């Protein structure tokens, strides 16, 4: 089983799945995050964080879970706002589902 995690600023973490094709996946990420400009940061060698590049300017609320994950993984200055999606990626960098074991490791307390 594989999943993609959606982290909401108000706390709930939900599982969603992405379509099979690369173009459809990116379109689904845009729709899910409700953004015009999609930004991505590598959280680690296997996982990426997708978010709205304009979330700060549009006044979206801080996403405390996503901010903590980024700070814990080498982005101490990064403040994440709005809805965020965590995905694994192909060797070419395309977003794919996150293996269940990987998602558990990401969210485990340290």
C-alpha atoms as a PDB file:
ATOM      1  CA  UNK A   1       0.000   0.000   0.000  1.00  0.00           C
ATOM      2  CA  UNK A   2       1.241   3.487  -0.744  1.00  0.00           C
ATOM      3  CA  UNK A   3      -0.149   6.911   0.084  1.00  0.00           C
ATOM      4  CA  UNK A   4       0.439  10.633  -0.155  1.00  0.00           C
ATOM      5  CA  UNK A   5       0.004  12.672   2.994  1.00  0.00           C
ATOM      6  CA  UNK A   6      -1.933  15.909   3.087  1.00  0.00           C
ATOM      7  CA  UNK A   7      -1.079  18.128   6.068  1.00  0.00           C
ATOM      8  CA  UNK A   8      -3.617  20.817   6.887  1.00  0.00           C
ATOM      9  CA  UNK A   9      -2.675  23.926   8.896  1.00  0.00           C
ATOM     10  CA  UNK A  10      -5.383  23.127  11.452  1.00  0.00           C
ATOM     11  CA  UNK A  11      -3.855  19.741  12.236  1.00  0.00           C
ATOM     12  CA  UNK A  12      -5.574  16.850  10.432  1.00  0.00           C
ATOM     13  CA  UNK A  13      -3.290  14.617   8.382  1.00  0.00           C
ATOM     14  CA  UNK A  14      -5.132  12.719   5.665  1.00  0.00           C
ATOM     15  CA  UNK A  15      -4.172  10.182   3.061  1.00  0.00           C
ATOM     16  CA  UNK A  16      -4.865  10.905  -0.587  1.00  0.00           C
ATOM     17  CA  UNK A  17      -3.799   9.154  -3.773  1.00  0.00           C
ATOM     18  CA  UNK A  18      -2.510  10.638  -6.997  1.00  0.00           C
ATOM     19  CA  UNK A  19      -3.340   9.709 -10.602  1.00  0.00           C
ATOM     20  CA  UNK A  20      -0.948   7.502 -12.554  1.00  0.00           C
ATOM     21  CA  UNK A  21       0.398   9.919 -15.178  1.00  0.00           C
ATOM     22  CA  UNK A  22       2.979  12.605 -14.320  1.00  0.00           C
ATOM     23  CA  UNK A  23       0.892  15.442 -15.809  1.00  0.00           C
ATOM     24  CA  UNK A  24      -2.262  14.311 -14.010  1.00  0.00           C
ATOM     25  CA  UNK A  25      -0.308  14.027 -10.739  1.00  0.00           C
ATOM     26  CA  UNK A  26       0.922  17.619 -10.966  1.00  0.00           C
ATOM     27  CA  UNK A  27      -2.577  18.827 -11.837  1.00  0.00           C
ATOM     28  CA  UNK A  28      -3.954  16.912  -8.835  1.00  0.00           C
ATOM     29  CA  UNK A  29      -1.343  18.520  -6.565  1.00  0.00           C
ATOM     30  CA  UNK A  30      -2.353  21.987  -7.834  1.00  0.00           C
ATOM     31  CA  UNK A  31      -6.033  21.200  -7.165  1.00  0.00           C
ATOM     32  CA  UNK A  32      -5.404  19.636  -3.755  1.00  0.00           C
ATOM     33  CA  UNK A  33      -3.248  22.501  -2.535  1.00  0.00           C
ATOM     34  CA  UNK A  34      -5.487  25.030  -4.330  1.00  0.00           C
ATOM     35  CA  UNK A  35      -2.591  27.011  -5.749  1.00  0.00           C
ATOM     36  CA  UNK A  36      -1.512  28.665  -8.952  1.00  0.00           C
ATOM     37  CA  UNK A  37       2.212  28.290  -8.331  1.00  0.00           C
ATOM     38  CA  UNK A  38       3.352  24.990  -6.854  1.00  0.00           C
ATOM     39  CA  UNK A  39       6.657  24.899  -4.991  1.00  0.00           C
ATOM     40  CA  UNK A  40       8.593  21.865  -3.797  1.00  0.00           C
ATOM     41  CA  UNK A  41      11.396  21.304  -1.303  1.00  0.00           C
ATOM     42  CA  UNK A  42      13.251  18.028  -0.839  1.00  0.00           C
ATOM     43  CA  UNK A  43      12.607  16.907   2.725  1.00  0.00           C
ATOM     44  CA  UNK A  44      15.181  14.116   2.435  1.00  0.00           C
ATOM     45  CA  UNK A  45      16.570  11.895  -0.315  1.00  0.00           C
ATOM     46  CA  UNK A  46      13.225  10.112  -0.763  1.00  0.00           C
ATOM     47  CA  UNK A  47      10.553  12.655   0.143  1.00  0.00           C
ATOM     48  CA  UNK A  48       9.409  16.029  -1.175  1.00  0.00           C
ATOM     49  CA  UNK A  49       7.174  18.681   0.364  1.00  0.00           C
ATOM     50  CA  UNK A  50       4.745  20.365  -2.059  1.00  0.00           C
ATOM     51  CA  UNK A  51       3.127  23.663  -1.097  1.00  0.00           C
ATOM     52  CA  UNK A  52       1.642  26.888  -2.449  1.00  0.00           C
ATOM     53  CA  UNK A  53       4.492  29.221  -3.380  1.00  0.00           C
ATOM     54  CA  UNK A  54       2.217  32.210  -2.726  1.00  0.00           C
ATOM     55  CA  UNK A  55       0.816  30.999   0.625  1.00  0.00           C
ATOM     56  CA  UNK A  56       2.750  33.556   2.658  1.00  0.00           C
ATOM     57  CA  UNK A  57       1.713  36.484   0.466  1.00  0.00           C
ATOM     58  CA  UNK A  58      -1.929  35.384   0.439  1.00  0.00           C
ATOM     59  CA  UNK A  59      -2.020  35.263   4.256  1.00  0.00           C
ATOM     60  CA  UNK A  60      -2.596  31.539   4.668  1.00  0.00           C
ATOM     61  CA  UNK A  61      -2.130  30.214   8.205  1.00  0.00           C
ATOM     62  CA  UNK A  62       1.125  28.658   9.358  1.00  0.00           C
ATOM     63  CA  UNK A  63       1.191  24.893   9.012  1.00  0.00           C
ATOM     64  CA  UNK A  64       2.907  23.880  12.277  1.00  0.00           C
ATOM     65  CA  UNK A  65       3.436  20.199  11.382  1.00  0.00           C
ATOM     66  CA  UNK A  66       4.943  20.954   7.972  1.00  0.00           C
ATOM     67  CA  UNK A  67       7.081  23.744   9.445  1.00  0.00           C
ATOM     68  CA  UNK A  68       8.401  21.380  12.139  1.00  0.00           C
ATOM     69  CA  UNK A  69       9.194  18.696   9.540  1.00  0.00           C
ATOM     70  CA  UNK A  70      11.103  21.166   7.393  1.00  0.00           C
ATOM     71  CA  UNK A  71      13.033  22.570  10.334  1.00  0.00           C
ATOM     72  CA  UNK A  72      13.861  19.064  11.566  1.00  0.00           C
ATOM     73  CA  UNK A  73      15.213  18.190   8.110  1.00  0.00           C
ATOM     74  CA  UNK A  74      17.576  21.064   7.368  1.00  0.00           C
ATOM     75  CA  UNK A  75      15.371  24.115   6.735  1.00  0.00           C
ATOM     76  CA  UNK A  76      15.533  25.990  10.072  1.00  0.00           C
ATOM     77  CA  UNK A  77      14.435  29.278   8.457  1.00  0.00           C
ATOM     78  CA  UNK A  78      11.518  27.821   6.476  1.00  0.00           C
ATOM     79  CA  UNK A  79       7.986  28.598   7.615  1.00  0.00           C
ATOM     80  CA  UNK A  80       5.341  26.583   5.797  1.00  0.00           C
ATOM     81  CA  UNK A  81       1.859  27.998   5.275  1.00  0.00           C
ATOM     82  CA  UNK A  82      -1.364  26.512   4.010  1.00  0.00           C
ATOM     83  CA  UNK A  83      -2.056  22.961   2.952  1.00  0.00           C
ATOM     84  CA  UNK A  84       1.028  20.825   2.261  1.00  0.00           C
ATOM     85  CA  UNK A  85       1.447  17.456   0.537  1.00  0.00           C
ATOM     86  CA  UNK A  86       4.254  14.990   1.249  1.00  0.00           C
ATOM     87  CA  UNK A  87       5.199  12.705  -1.666  1.00  0.00           C
ATOM     88  CA  UNK A  88       7.988  10.353  -2.608  1.00  0.00           C
ATOM     89  CA  UNK A  89       9.591  10.914  -6.008  1.00  0.00           C
ATOM     90  CA  UNK A  90      10.911   9.011  -8.983  1.00  0.00           C
ATOM     91  CA  UNK A  91      14.622   9.197  -9.898  1.00  0.00           C
ATOM     92  CA  UNK A  92      13.587  11.929 -12.373  1.00  0.00           C
ATOM     93  CA  UNK A  93      11.900  13.929  -9.590  1.00  0.00           C
ATOM     94  CA  UNK A  94       8.246  13.291 -10.473  1.00  0.00           C
ATOM     95  CA  UNK A  95       5.908  12.989  -7.475  1.00  0.00           C
ATOM     96  CA  UNK A  96       4.717   9.488  -6.586  1.00  0.00           C
ATOM     97  CA  UNK A  97       2.967   7.811  -3.694  1.00  0.00           C
ATOM     98  CA  UNK A  98       4.749   7.688  -0.360  1.00  0.00           C
ATOM     99  CA  UNK A  99       5.368   4.142   0.943  1.00  0.00           C
ATOM    100  CA  UNK A 100       3.513   3.558   4.203  1.00  0.00           C
ATOM    101  CA  UNK A 101       6.695   2.787   6.174  1.00  0.00           C
ATOM    102  CA  UNK A 102       8.274   6.011   4.928  1.00  0.00           C
ATOM    103  CA  UNK A 103       5.304   8.112   6.034  1.00  0.00           C
ATOM    104  CA  UNK A 104       5.442   6.601   9.511  1.00  0.00           C
ATOM    105  CA  UNK A 105       9.139   7.448   9.820  1.00  0.00           C
ATOM    106  CA  UNK A 106       8.518  11.060   8.761  1.00  0.00           C
ATOM    107  CA  UNK A 107       5.851  11.681  11.370  1.00  0.00           C
ATOM    108  CA  UNK A 108       7.501   9.807  14.249  1.00  0.00           C
ATOM    109  CA  UNK A 109       8.466  12.057  17.185  1.00  0.00           C
ATOM    110  CA  UNK A 110      12.154  12.714  17.617  1.00  0.00           C
END
